[in-house]
Amino acid sequence: MPSRHNRFRFRHRRKHKTFICEPGKCVTLDQLPERCRATVFQNNNLTTIERGLYLGAQITMLRNNDDEPNIIIAVGDARYALDRRIARTIKVRITE
């Protein structure tokens, strides 16, 4: 039988908030128009988080042509080409 200390050991840990976009306020990254600025609102992809696309990061869409398989975004001083399948999983809130 587990001791009382072990049973309640993780009880007081903070849970991460999961943000849910209200309808009409957020779009996926692949829907963002060119030369538009946005803030990352939801991202569960670890590789893009490591590149700087964490929650609250300011991004700018540089190229988003529907006939191309990739989009090009700016995060700070860096420029990244992202696959559209990955961009569909990232939600952003348009700031300008």
N, C-alpha and C. Protein backbone atom coordinates (compact mmCIF):
# COMPACT_ATOMS: atom_id res chain seq x y z
N MET A 1 0.84 -1.17 0.00
CA MET A 1 0.00 0.00 0.00
C MET A 1 0.89 1.24 0.00
N PRO A 2 0.63 2.19 -0.92
CA PRO A 2 1.47 3.38 -0.95
C PRO A 2 1.25 4.25 0.28
N SER A 3 2.32 4.87 0.68
CA SER A 3 2.21 5.75 1.83
C SER A 3 1.42 7.00 1.46
N ARG A 4 0.94 7.68 2.45
CA ARG A 4 0.13 8.87 2.22
C ARG A 4 0.94 9.96 1.52
N HIS A 5 2.21 10.03 1.86
CA HIS A 5 3.07 11.05 1.24
C HIS A 5 3.16 10.83 -0.27
N ASN A 6 3.34 9.60 -0.71
CA ASN A 6 3.46 9.31 -2.14
C ASN A 6 2.15 9.54 -2.88
N ARG A 7 1.04 9.28 -2.21
CA ARG A 7 -0.26 9.44 -2.86
C ARG A 7 -0.57 10.89 -3.18
N PHE A 8 -0.18 11.81 -2.34
CA PHE A 8 -0.50 13.22 -2.51
C PHE A 8 0.70 14.05 -2.96
N ARG A 9 1.73 13.38 -3.40
CA ARG A 9 2.96 14.05 -3.77
C ARG A 9 2.79 15.01 -4.94
N PHE A 10 2.01 14.65 -5.92
CA PHE A 10 1.85 15.47 -7.12
C PHE A 10 0.55 16.26 -7.11
N ARG A 11 -0.11 16.31 -6.01
CA ARG A 11 -1.43 16.92 -5.94
C ARG A 11 -1.39 18.44 -6.16
N HIS A 12 -0.36 19.09 -5.69
CA HIS A 12 -0.32 20.54 -5.70
C HIS A 12 0.46 21.12 -6.88
N ARG A 13 0.81 20.30 -7.84
CA ARG A 13 1.53 20.81 -9.01
C ARG A 13 0.59 21.61 -9.88
N ARG A 14 1.12 22.64 -10.49
CA ARG A 14 0.32 23.45 -11.40
C ARG A 14 0.11 22.72 -12.71
N LYS A 15 -1.07 22.83 -13.23
CA LYS A 15 -1.37 22.25 -14.53
C LYS A 15 -1.19 23.33 -15.58
N HIS A 16 -0.70 22.90 -16.76
CA HIS A 16 -0.54 23.85 -17.85
C HIS A 16 -1.91 24.23 -18.38
N LYS A 17 -2.09 25.51 -18.64
CA LYS A 17 -3.34 25.96 -19.23
C LYS A 17 -3.34 25.62 -20.70
N THR A 18 -4.46 25.14 -21.17
CA THR A 18 -4.63 24.93 -22.59
C THR A 18 -5.53 26.03 -23.11
N PHE A 19 -5.03 26.80 -24.04
CA PHE A 19 -5.78 27.92 -24.57
C PHE A 19 -6.62 27.45 -25.74
N ILE A 20 -7.85 27.82 -25.74
CA ILE A 20 -8.75 27.47 -26.83
C ILE A 20 -9.11 28.77 -27.54
N CYS A 21 -8.88 28.80 -28.83
CA CYS A 21 -9.19 30.00 -29.61
C CYS A 21 -10.69 30.14 -29.75
N GLU A 22 -11.16 31.34 -29.56
CA GLU A 22 -12.57 31.61 -29.81
C GLU A 22 -12.80 31.64 -31.32
N PRO A 23 -13.95 31.18 -31.78
CA PRO A 23 -14.20 31.15 -33.22
C PRO A 23 -14.12 32.56 -33.82
N GLY A 24 -13.43 32.68 -34.95
CA GLY A 24 -13.29 33.95 -35.63
C GLY A 24 -12.13 34.79 -35.15
N LYS A 25 -11.49 34.42 -34.06
CA LYS A 25 -10.38 35.22 -33.53
C LYS A 25 -9.02 34.65 -33.95
N CYS A 26 -8.94 33.35 -34.16
CA CYS A 26 -7.68 32.71 -34.51
C CYS A 26 -7.79 32.01 -35.85
N VAL A 27 -6.65 31.92 -36.53
CA VAL A 27 -6.57 31.19 -37.78
C VAL A 27 -5.35 30.28 -37.70
N THR A 28 -5.33 29.28 -38.57
CA THR A 28 -4.13 28.45 -38.64
C THR A 28 -3.06 29.22 -39.41
N LEU A 29 -1.83 28.84 -39.19
CA LEU A 29 -0.71 29.58 -39.78
C LEU A 29 -0.73 29.56 -41.30
N ASP A 30 -1.22 28.47 -41.90
CA ASP A 30 -1.25 28.41 -43.36
C ASP A 30 -2.33 29.31 -43.97
N GLN A 31 -3.25 29.85 -43.18
CA GLN A 31 -4.29 30.75 -43.67
C GLN A 31 -3.91 32.22 -43.52
N LEU A 32 -2.79 32.50 -42.89
CA LEU A 32 -2.37 33.87 -42.64
C LEU A 32 -1.94 34.54 -43.95
N PRO A 33 -2.47 35.74 -44.26
CA PRO A 33 -2.08 36.42 -45.51
C PRO A 33 -0.63 36.93 -45.46
N GLU A 34 -0.06 37.17 -46.62
CA GLU A 34 1.31 37.68 -46.71
C GLU A 34 1.41 39.07 -46.10
N ARG A 35 2.60 39.39 -45.57
CA ARG A 35 2.92 40.67 -44.91
C ARG A 35 1.99 40.96 -43.73
N CYS A 36 1.51 39.94 -43.09
CA CYS A 36 0.63 40.09 -41.94
C CYS A 36 1.38 39.63 -40.70
N ARG A 37 1.18 40.33 -39.59
CA ARG A 37 1.82 39.96 -38.33
C ARG A 37 0.82 39.23 -37.45
N ALA A 38 1.34 38.30 -36.66
CA ALA A 38 0.47 37.51 -35.79
C ALA A 38 1.25 37.05 -34.57
N THR A 39 0.50 36.58 -33.57
CA THR A 39 1.07 36.03 -32.35
C THR A 39 0.69 34.57 -32.26
N VAL A 40 1.65 33.72 -31.94
CA VAL A 40 1.38 32.29 -31.82
C VAL A 40 0.49 32.07 -30.60
N PHE A 41 -0.60 31.37 -30.82
CA PHE A 41 -1.59 31.16 -29.76
C PHE A 41 -1.63 29.71 -29.32
N GLN A 42 -1.36 28.78 -30.23
CA GLN A 42 -1.36 27.36 -29.87
C GLN A 42 -0.38 26.64 -30.78
N ASN A 43 0.53 25.88 -30.18
CA ASN A 43 1.51 25.12 -30.94
C ASN A 43 1.92 23.91 -30.11
N ASN A 44 1.71 22.73 -30.65
CA ASN A 44 2.08 21.50 -29.95
C ASN A 44 3.24 20.77 -30.61
N ASN A 45 3.83 21.35 -31.63
CA ASN A 45 4.93 20.72 -32.35
C ASN A 45 6.25 21.13 -31.71
N LEU A 46 6.98 20.16 -31.17
CA LEU A 46 8.21 20.44 -30.42
C LEU A 46 9.31 21.04 -31.29
N THR A 47 9.43 20.57 -32.53
CA THR A 47 10.51 21.09 -33.38
C THR A 47 10.30 22.57 -33.72
N THR A 48 9.07 22.99 -33.91
CA THR A 48 8.84 24.40 -34.20
C THR A 48 8.94 25.25 -32.94
N ILE A 49 8.63 24.68 -31.79
CA ILE A 49 8.81 25.41 -30.53
C ILE A 49 10.30 25.68 -30.31
N GLU A 50 11.13 24.70 -30.62
CA GLU A 50 12.58 24.87 -30.47
C GLU A 50 13.13 25.91 -31.44
N ARG A 51 12.47 26.12 -32.55
CA ARG A 51 12.89 27.15 -33.52
C ARG A 51 12.46 28.54 -33.12
N GLY A 52 11.59 28.66 -32.13
CA GLY A 52 11.17 29.98 -31.67
C GLY A 52 9.70 30.26 -31.83
N LEU A 53 8.91 29.27 -32.26
CA LEU A 53 7.47 29.45 -32.42
C LEU A 53 6.72 29.04 -31.15
N TYR A 54 7.15 29.57 -30.02
CA TYR A 54 6.51 29.27 -28.74
C TYR A 54 5.29 30.17 -28.56
N LEU A 55 4.49 29.92 -27.54
CA LEU A 55 3.29 30.71 -27.29
C LEU A 55 3.67 32.16 -27.03
N GLY A 56 3.01 33.06 -27.71
CA GLY A 56 3.26 34.48 -27.55
C GLY A 56 4.31 35.05 -28.48
N ALA A 57 4.94 34.22 -29.30
CA ALA A 57 5.98 34.71 -30.22
C ALA A 57 5.34 35.52 -31.34
N GLN A 58 5.99 36.62 -31.72
CA GLN A 58 5.52 37.47 -32.80
C GLN A 58 6.11 36.95 -34.11
N ILE A 59 5.26 36.71 -35.11
CA ILE A 59 5.72 36.22 -36.41
C ILE A 59 5.19 37.12 -37.51
N THR A 60 5.85 37.06 -38.66
CA THR A 60 5.42 37.78 -39.85
C THR A 60 5.40 36.80 -41.01
N MET A 61 4.30 36.79 -41.76
CA MET A 61 4.20 35.91 -42.92
C MET A 61 4.88 36.60 -44.10
N LEU A 62 5.90 35.96 -44.65
CA LEU A 62 6.64 36.54 -45.77
C LEU A 62 6.13 36.03 -47.11
N ARG A 63 5.88 34.73 -47.23
CA ARG A 63 5.39 34.17 -48.48
C ARG A 63 4.39 33.06 -48.19
N ASN A 64 3.22 33.16 -48.81
CA ASN A 64 2.17 32.17 -48.62
C ASN A 64 1.41 32.02 -49.93
N ASN A 65 2.00 31.31 -50.88
CA ASN A 65 1.35 31.03 -52.16
C ASN A 65 0.67 29.67 -52.07
N ASP A 66 -0.58 29.61 -52.51
CA ASP A 66 -1.34 28.36 -52.41
C ASP A 66 -0.77 27.25 -53.27
N ASP A 67 -0.08 27.60 -54.36
CA ASP A 67 0.45 26.57 -55.25
C ASP A 67 1.81 26.03 -54.80
N GLU A 68 2.39 26.56 -53.73
CA GLU A 68 3.67 26.08 -53.21
C GLU A 68 3.44 25.23 -51.97
N PRO A 69 4.26 24.20 -51.75
CA PRO A 69 4.06 23.31 -50.60
C PRO A 69 4.54 23.89 -49.27
N ASN A 70 5.33 24.96 -49.31
CA ASN A 70 5.88 25.55 -48.09
C ASN A 70 5.45 27.00 -47.94
N ILE A 71 5.48 27.47 -46.69
CA ILE A 71 5.29 28.88 -46.41
C ILE A 71 6.59 29.40 -45.80
N ILE A 72 6.82 30.69 -45.91
CA ILE A 72 8.03 31.29 -45.34
C ILE A 72 7.60 32.34 -44.33
N ILE A 73 8.10 32.19 -43.09
CA ILE A 73 7.75 33.11 -42.02
C ILE A 73 9.01 33.70 -41.40
N ALA A 74 8.84 34.82 -40.73
CA ALA A 74 9.93 35.46 -40.00
C ALA A 74 9.59 35.40 -38.52
N VAL A 75 10.56 34.95 -37.74
CA VAL A 75 10.44 34.93 -36.28
C VAL A 75 11.65 35.67 -35.74
N GLY A 76 11.46 36.90 -35.32
CA GLY A 76 12.60 37.71 -34.90
C GLY A 76 13.47 38.00 -36.11
N ASP A 77 14.75 37.68 -36.02
CA ASP A 77 15.69 37.88 -37.13
C ASP A 77 15.80 36.66 -38.02
N ALA A 78 15.18 35.55 -37.65
CA ALA A 78 15.29 34.29 -38.40
C ALA A 78 14.17 34.17 -39.42
N ARG A 79 14.46 33.44 -40.49
CA ARG A 79 13.48 33.14 -41.53
C ARG A 79 13.36 31.62 -41.62
N TYR A 80 12.13 31.11 -41.67
CA TYR A 80 11.91 29.66 -41.72
C TYR A 80 10.94 29.30 -42.83
N ALA A 81 11.22 28.19 -43.49
CA ALA A 81 10.29 27.60 -44.46
C ALA A 81 9.62 26.43 -43.75
N LEU A 82 8.29 26.49 -43.64
CA LEU A 82 7.53 25.44 -42.96
C LEU A 82 6.63 24.72 -43.96
N ASP A 83 6.51 23.43 -43.78
CA ASP A 83 5.58 22.65 -44.57
C ASP A 83 4.15 23.03 -44.19
N ARG A 84 3.26 23.03 -45.15
CA ARG A 84 1.87 23.41 -44.89
C ARG A 84 1.18 22.48 -43.89
N ARG A 85 1.57 21.20 -43.89
CA ARG A 85 0.96 20.26 -42.93
C ARG A 85 1.30 20.65 -41.50
N ILE A 86 2.50 21.12 -41.27
CA ILE A 86 2.90 21.58 -39.94
C ILE A 86 2.22 22.91 -39.63
N ALA A 87 2.14 23.79 -40.63
CA ALA A 87 1.53 25.10 -40.42
C ALA A 87 0.04 25.00 -40.08
N ARG A 88 -0.62 23.95 -40.55
CA ARG A 88 -2.05 23.77 -40.22
C ARG A 88 -2.28 23.43 -38.76
N THR A 89 -1.26 22.95 -38.07
CA THR A 89 -1.42 22.59 -36.66
C THR A 89 -1.14 23.75 -35.71
N ILE A 90 -0.62 24.86 -36.23
CA ILE A 90 -0.27 26.02 -35.41
C ILE A 90 -1.35 27.08 -35.55
N LYS A 91 -1.90 27.53 -34.43
CA LYS A 91 -2.93 28.58 -34.45
C LYS A 91 -2.31 29.90 -34.03
N VAL A 92 -2.69 30.95 -34.76
CA VAL A 92 -2.17 32.29 -34.48
C VAL A 92 -3.31 33.29 -34.37
N ARG A 93 -3.03 34.38 -33.70
CA ARG A 93 -3.98 35.49 -33.59
C ARG A 93 -3.39 36.68 -34.35
N ILE A 94 -4.13 37.21 -35.30
CA ILE A 94 -3.65 38.31 -36.13
C ILE A 94 -3.57 39.58 -35.28
N THR A 95 -2.41 40.26 -35.36
CA THR A 95 -2.23 41.50 -34.59
C THR A 95 -2.31 42.72 -35.47
N GLU A 96 -1.92 42.63 -36.73
CA GLU A 96 -2.00 43.77 -37.66
C GLU A 96 -2.59 43.34 -38.97
